[in-house]
N, C-alpha and C. Protein backbone atom coordinates (compact mmCIF):
# COMPACT_ATOMS: atom_id res chain seq x y z
N MET A 1 0.59 -1.47 -0.10
CA MET A 1 -0.31 0.08 0.19
C MET A 1 0.83 1.42 0.11
N LEU A 2 0.49 2.10 -0.91
CA LEU A 2 1.24 3.71 -0.74
C LEU A 2 0.86 4.62 0.36
N ALA A 3 1.97 5.24 0.94
CA ALA A 3 1.68 6.04 1.74
C ALA A 3 1.00 6.94 1.73
N PRO A 4 -0.23 7.45 2.74
CA PRO A 4 -1.07 8.95 2.38
C PRO A 4 -0.29 9.81 1.54
N THR A 5 -0.61 10.49 0.94
CA THR A 5 0.01 11.70 0.53
C THR A 5 -0.74 13.08 0.83
N ILE A 6 -0.76 13.86 0.88
CA ILE A 6 -1.45 15.33 0.75
C ILE A 6 -1.24 16.01 -0.44
N VAL A 7 -2.21 16.46 -0.71
CA VAL A 7 -2.63 17.09 -2.12
C VAL A 7 -3.58 18.49 -1.71
N SER A 8 -3.57 19.38 -3.32
CA SER A 8 -3.88 20.30 -2.51
C SER A 8 -4.78 20.32 -4.44
N ASP A 9 -6.09 20.67 -4.65
CA ASP A 9 -6.61 20.65 -6.16
C ASP A 9 -8.05 21.76 -5.76
N PRO A 10 -7.73 23.15 -6.47
CA PRO A 10 -8.85 23.72 -6.80
C PRO A 10 -10.14 23.66 -6.38
N ASN A 11 -10.62 22.36 -7.06
CA ASN A 11 -11.94 21.68 -6.71
C ASN A 11 -12.41 21.12 -5.66
N VAL A 12 -11.23 20.92 -4.64
CA VAL A 12 -11.65 20.22 -3.31
C VAL A 12 -11.21 21.03 -2.01
N MET A 13 -12.13 21.08 -1.46
CA MET A 13 -11.93 22.35 -0.26
C MET A 13 -11.32 23.44 -0.79
N MET A 14 -11.54 24.25 -1.64
CA MET A 14 -11.08 25.40 -2.21
C MET A 14 -9.58 25.59 -2.02
N GLY A 15 -8.97 23.99 -2.23
CA GLY A 15 -7.48 24.32 -2.79
C GLY A 15 -6.76 23.84 -1.48
N LYS A 16 -7.38 23.31 -0.13
CA LYS A 16 -6.53 23.84 0.78
C LYS A 16 -5.82 22.37 0.68
N PRO A 17 -4.76 21.88 1.28
CA PRO A 17 -3.97 20.67 1.51
C PRO A 17 -4.91 19.64 2.14
N VAL A 18 -5.47 18.54 1.37
CA VAL A 18 -6.02 17.26 2.08
C VAL A 18 -5.64 16.15 2.09
N VAL A 19 -5.66 15.08 3.16
CA VAL A 19 -5.37 13.93 2.84
C VAL A 19 -5.95 13.22 1.36
N ALA A 20 -5.05 12.54 0.45
CA ALA A 20 -5.78 12.07 -0.92
C ALA A 20 -6.43 11.19 -0.96
N GLY A 21 -7.73 11.84 -1.68
CA GLY A 21 -8.48 10.89 -1.79
C GLY A 21 -9.91 11.07 -0.59
N THR A 22 -9.67 12.51 0.62
CA THR A 22 -10.68 12.78 1.03
C THR A 22 -11.04 14.18 0.86
N ARG A 23 -11.68 14.66 1.90
CA ARG A 23 -12.01 16.13 1.72
C ARG A 23 -11.31 16.44 3.49
N ILE A 24 -10.67 16.11 3.98
CA ILE A 24 -10.12 15.95 5.16
C ILE A 24 -8.76 17.09 4.94
N THR A 25 -8.74 18.34 5.44
CA THR A 25 -7.67 19.02 5.48
C THR A 25 -6.91 18.58 6.45
N VAL A 26 -5.49 19.30 6.02
CA VAL A 26 -4.55 19.39 7.15
C VAL A 26 -4.99 20.27 8.05
N GLU A 27 -5.63 21.56 8.00
CA GLU A 27 -5.73 22.33 9.08
C GLU A 27 -6.75 21.41 10.10
N LEU A 28 -7.49 20.78 9.86
CA LEU A 28 -8.96 20.12 10.45
C LEU A 28 -7.30 19.35 11.30
N ILE A 29 -6.75 18.58 10.95
CA ILE A 29 -6.20 17.73 11.55
C ILE A 29 -5.05 18.44 12.57
N LEU A 30 -4.71 19.39 12.13
CA LEU A 30 -3.77 20.09 13.26
C LEU A 30 -4.70 21.05 14.41
N GLU A 31 -5.65 21.37 13.84
CA GLU A 31 -6.56 21.90 14.74
C GLU A 31 -6.97 21.04 16.08
N GLU A 32 -7.66 19.68 15.33
CA GLU A 32 -8.00 18.69 16.43
C GLU A 32 -6.92 17.99 17.36
N LEU A 33 -5.86 17.96 16.96
CA LEU A 33 -4.93 17.49 17.70
C LEU A 33 -4.32 18.46 18.98
N ALA A 34 -4.48 20.08 17.94
CA ALA A 34 -3.86 21.13 19.18
C ALA A 34 -4.89 21.33 20.03
N ALA A 35 -6.09 20.88 20.26
CA ALA A 35 -7.05 20.72 21.00
C ALA A 35 -6.84 19.61 21.94
N GLY A 36 -6.30 18.77 21.73
CA GLY A 36 -6.51 17.64 22.59
C GLY A 36 -6.76 16.33 22.09
N THR A 37 -7.28 16.51 21.22
CA THR A 37 -8.00 14.89 20.37
C THR A 37 -6.64 14.15 20.19
N SER A 38 -7.58 13.01 20.64
CA SER A 38 -6.01 11.84 20.43
C SER A 38 -6.11 11.43 19.09
N VAL A 39 -5.07 11.11 18.54
CA VAL A 39 -5.18 10.29 17.37
C VAL A 39 -6.44 9.15 16.73
N SER A 40 -6.48 8.20 18.03
CA SER A 40 -7.46 7.28 18.44
C SER A 40 -8.97 7.85 17.95
N GLU A 41 -9.28 8.95 18.79
CA GLU A 41 -10.20 9.57 18.48
C GLU A 41 -10.68 10.63 17.03
N LEU A 42 -9.23 11.14 16.62
CA LEU A 42 -9.53 11.54 15.13
C LEU A 42 -9.83 10.54 14.12
N ILE A 43 -9.44 9.14 14.38
CA ILE A 43 -9.38 8.34 13.53
C ILE A 43 -11.11 8.11 13.73
N ALA A 44 -11.68 7.68 14.76
CA ALA A 44 -13.15 7.40 15.20
C ALA A 44 -13.93 8.35 14.69
N GLY A 45 -13.52 9.54 14.49
CA GLY A 45 -14.59 10.63 14.29
C GLY A 45 -14.17 10.71 12.80
N HIS A 46 -13.25 9.98 12.15
CA HIS A 46 -13.24 10.71 10.41
C HIS A 46 -12.23 8.81 10.07
N PRO A 47 -13.38 8.16 9.75
CA PRO A 47 -12.90 6.76 9.60
C PRO A 47 -12.03 6.89 8.42
N ALA A 48 -12.11 7.43 7.40
CA ALA A 48 -10.86 7.65 6.20
C ALA A 48 -9.70 7.80 6.56
N LEU A 49 -9.44 8.56 7.99
CA LEU A 49 -8.12 9.01 8.53
C LEU A 49 -7.41 7.37 9.16
N THR A 50 -5.91 7.74 8.64
CA THR A 50 -5.32 6.37 9.62
C THR A 50 -4.24 7.06 10.12
N PRO A 51 -3.26 6.45 10.87
CA PRO A 51 -2.11 7.14 11.49
C PRO A 51 -0.98 7.51 10.53
N ASP A 52 -0.83 6.66 9.46
CA ASP A 52 0.38 7.18 8.50
C ASP A 52 -0.63 8.64 7.90
N ALA A 53 -1.51 8.55 7.83
CA ALA A 53 -2.32 9.71 6.92
C ALA A 53 -2.49 10.87 8.18
N ILE A 54 -2.55 11.04 9.30
CA ILE A 54 -2.20 11.73 10.33
C ILE A 54 -0.97 11.99 10.50
N SER A 55 0.26 11.37 10.24
CA SER A 55 1.56 11.24 9.79
C SER A 55 1.94 12.54 8.50
N ALA A 56 1.82 12.29 7.67
CA ALA A 56 1.35 12.78 6.39
C ALA A 56 1.61 14.12 6.62
N ALA A 57 0.24 14.60 7.42
CA ALA A 57 -0.35 15.82 7.42
C ALA A 57 0.47 16.65 8.18
N LEU A 58 1.16 15.66 9.82
CA LEU A 58 2.14 16.67 10.29
C LEU A 58 3.74 17.09 9.63
N LYS A 59 3.87 15.50 8.85
CA LYS A 59 4.93 16.27 8.05
C LYS A 59 5.20 17.39 7.14
N PHE A 60 3.77 17.64 6.03
CA PHE A 60 3.81 18.27 5.34
C PHE A 60 3.35 20.01 6.15
N ALA A 61 2.84 19.73 7.04
CA ALA A 61 2.78 21.12 8.14
C ALA A 61 4.41 21.63 8.58
N ALA A 62 5.01 20.73 8.89
CA ALA A 62 6.74 20.69 9.44
C ALA A 62 6.94 21.30 8.02
N GLY A 63 6.95 20.89 6.91
CA GLY A 63 7.74 20.89 5.47
C GLY A 63 7.20 22.72 5.38
N ALA A 64 6.10 22.98 5.52
CA ALA A 64 5.49 24.60 5.03
C ALA A 64 5.73 25.50 6.16
N LEU A 65 6.09 25.32 7.24
CA LEU A 65 6.84 26.00 8.03
C LEU A 65 8.02 26.32 8.28
N ARG A 66 8.60 25.08 6.93
CA ARG A 66 10.01 25.33 7.00
C ARG A 66 10.38 26.39 5.71
N ALA A 67 9.16 26.79 5.10
CA ALA A 67 9.41 27.52 4.18
C ALA A 67 10.37 29.23 3.96
N ASP A 68 10.81 29.77 3.38
CA ASP A 68 11.26 30.81 3.75
C ASP A 68 10.72 32.21 4.07
N THR A 69 9.89 31.98 4.10
CA THR A 69 9.10 33.38 4.66
C THR A 69 8.56 32.80 5.94
N VAL A 70 8.83 33.73 6.85
CA VAL A 70 8.36 33.82 8.43
C VAL A 70 7.44 34.64 8.52
N TYR A 71 6.56 34.00 9.68
CA TYR A 71 5.72 34.68 10.26
C TYR A 71 5.71 35.04 11.42
N PRO A 72 5.94 35.79 11.76
CA PRO A 72 6.20 36.00 13.41
C PRO A 72 4.52 35.99 14.52
N ALA A 73 4.70 35.16 15.39
CA ALA A 73 3.75 34.73 16.41
C ALA A 73 3.27 36.46 17.09
N PRO A 74 2.17 36.87 17.27
CA PRO A 74 1.86 37.89 18.11
C PRO A 74 2.38 37.19 19.85
N ARG A 75 2.86 38.67 20.03
CA ARG A 75 3.18 37.79 21.67
C ARG A 75 2.10 37.66 22.38
N GLN A 76 2.27 37.03 23.53
CA GLN A 76 1.47 37.01 24.32
C GLN A 76 1.75 37.34 25.94
N SER A 77 0.58 37.70 26.11
CA SER A 77 0.88 38.77 27.67
C SER A 77 1.28 37.44 28.66
N ALA A 78 1.96 37.45 29.88
CA ALA A 78 2.33 36.99 30.58
C ALA A 78 1.10 36.67 32.06
């Protein structure tokens, strides 16, 4: 079986990066994980996802952040 890939198609989810063959965006995966949703809960809620697909989404996001453009995060008050 081929490893899941992240694709972007202007006809799917307005071109946002998604897990190939699904309408599940990398953005959704990141938001859910950041909110404390476990991988198993994420898969239960989105049966088309696999642990490999979630890993592919995280690798894609990490690569996107390695881009030459830096976006400073706003400072948070202590």
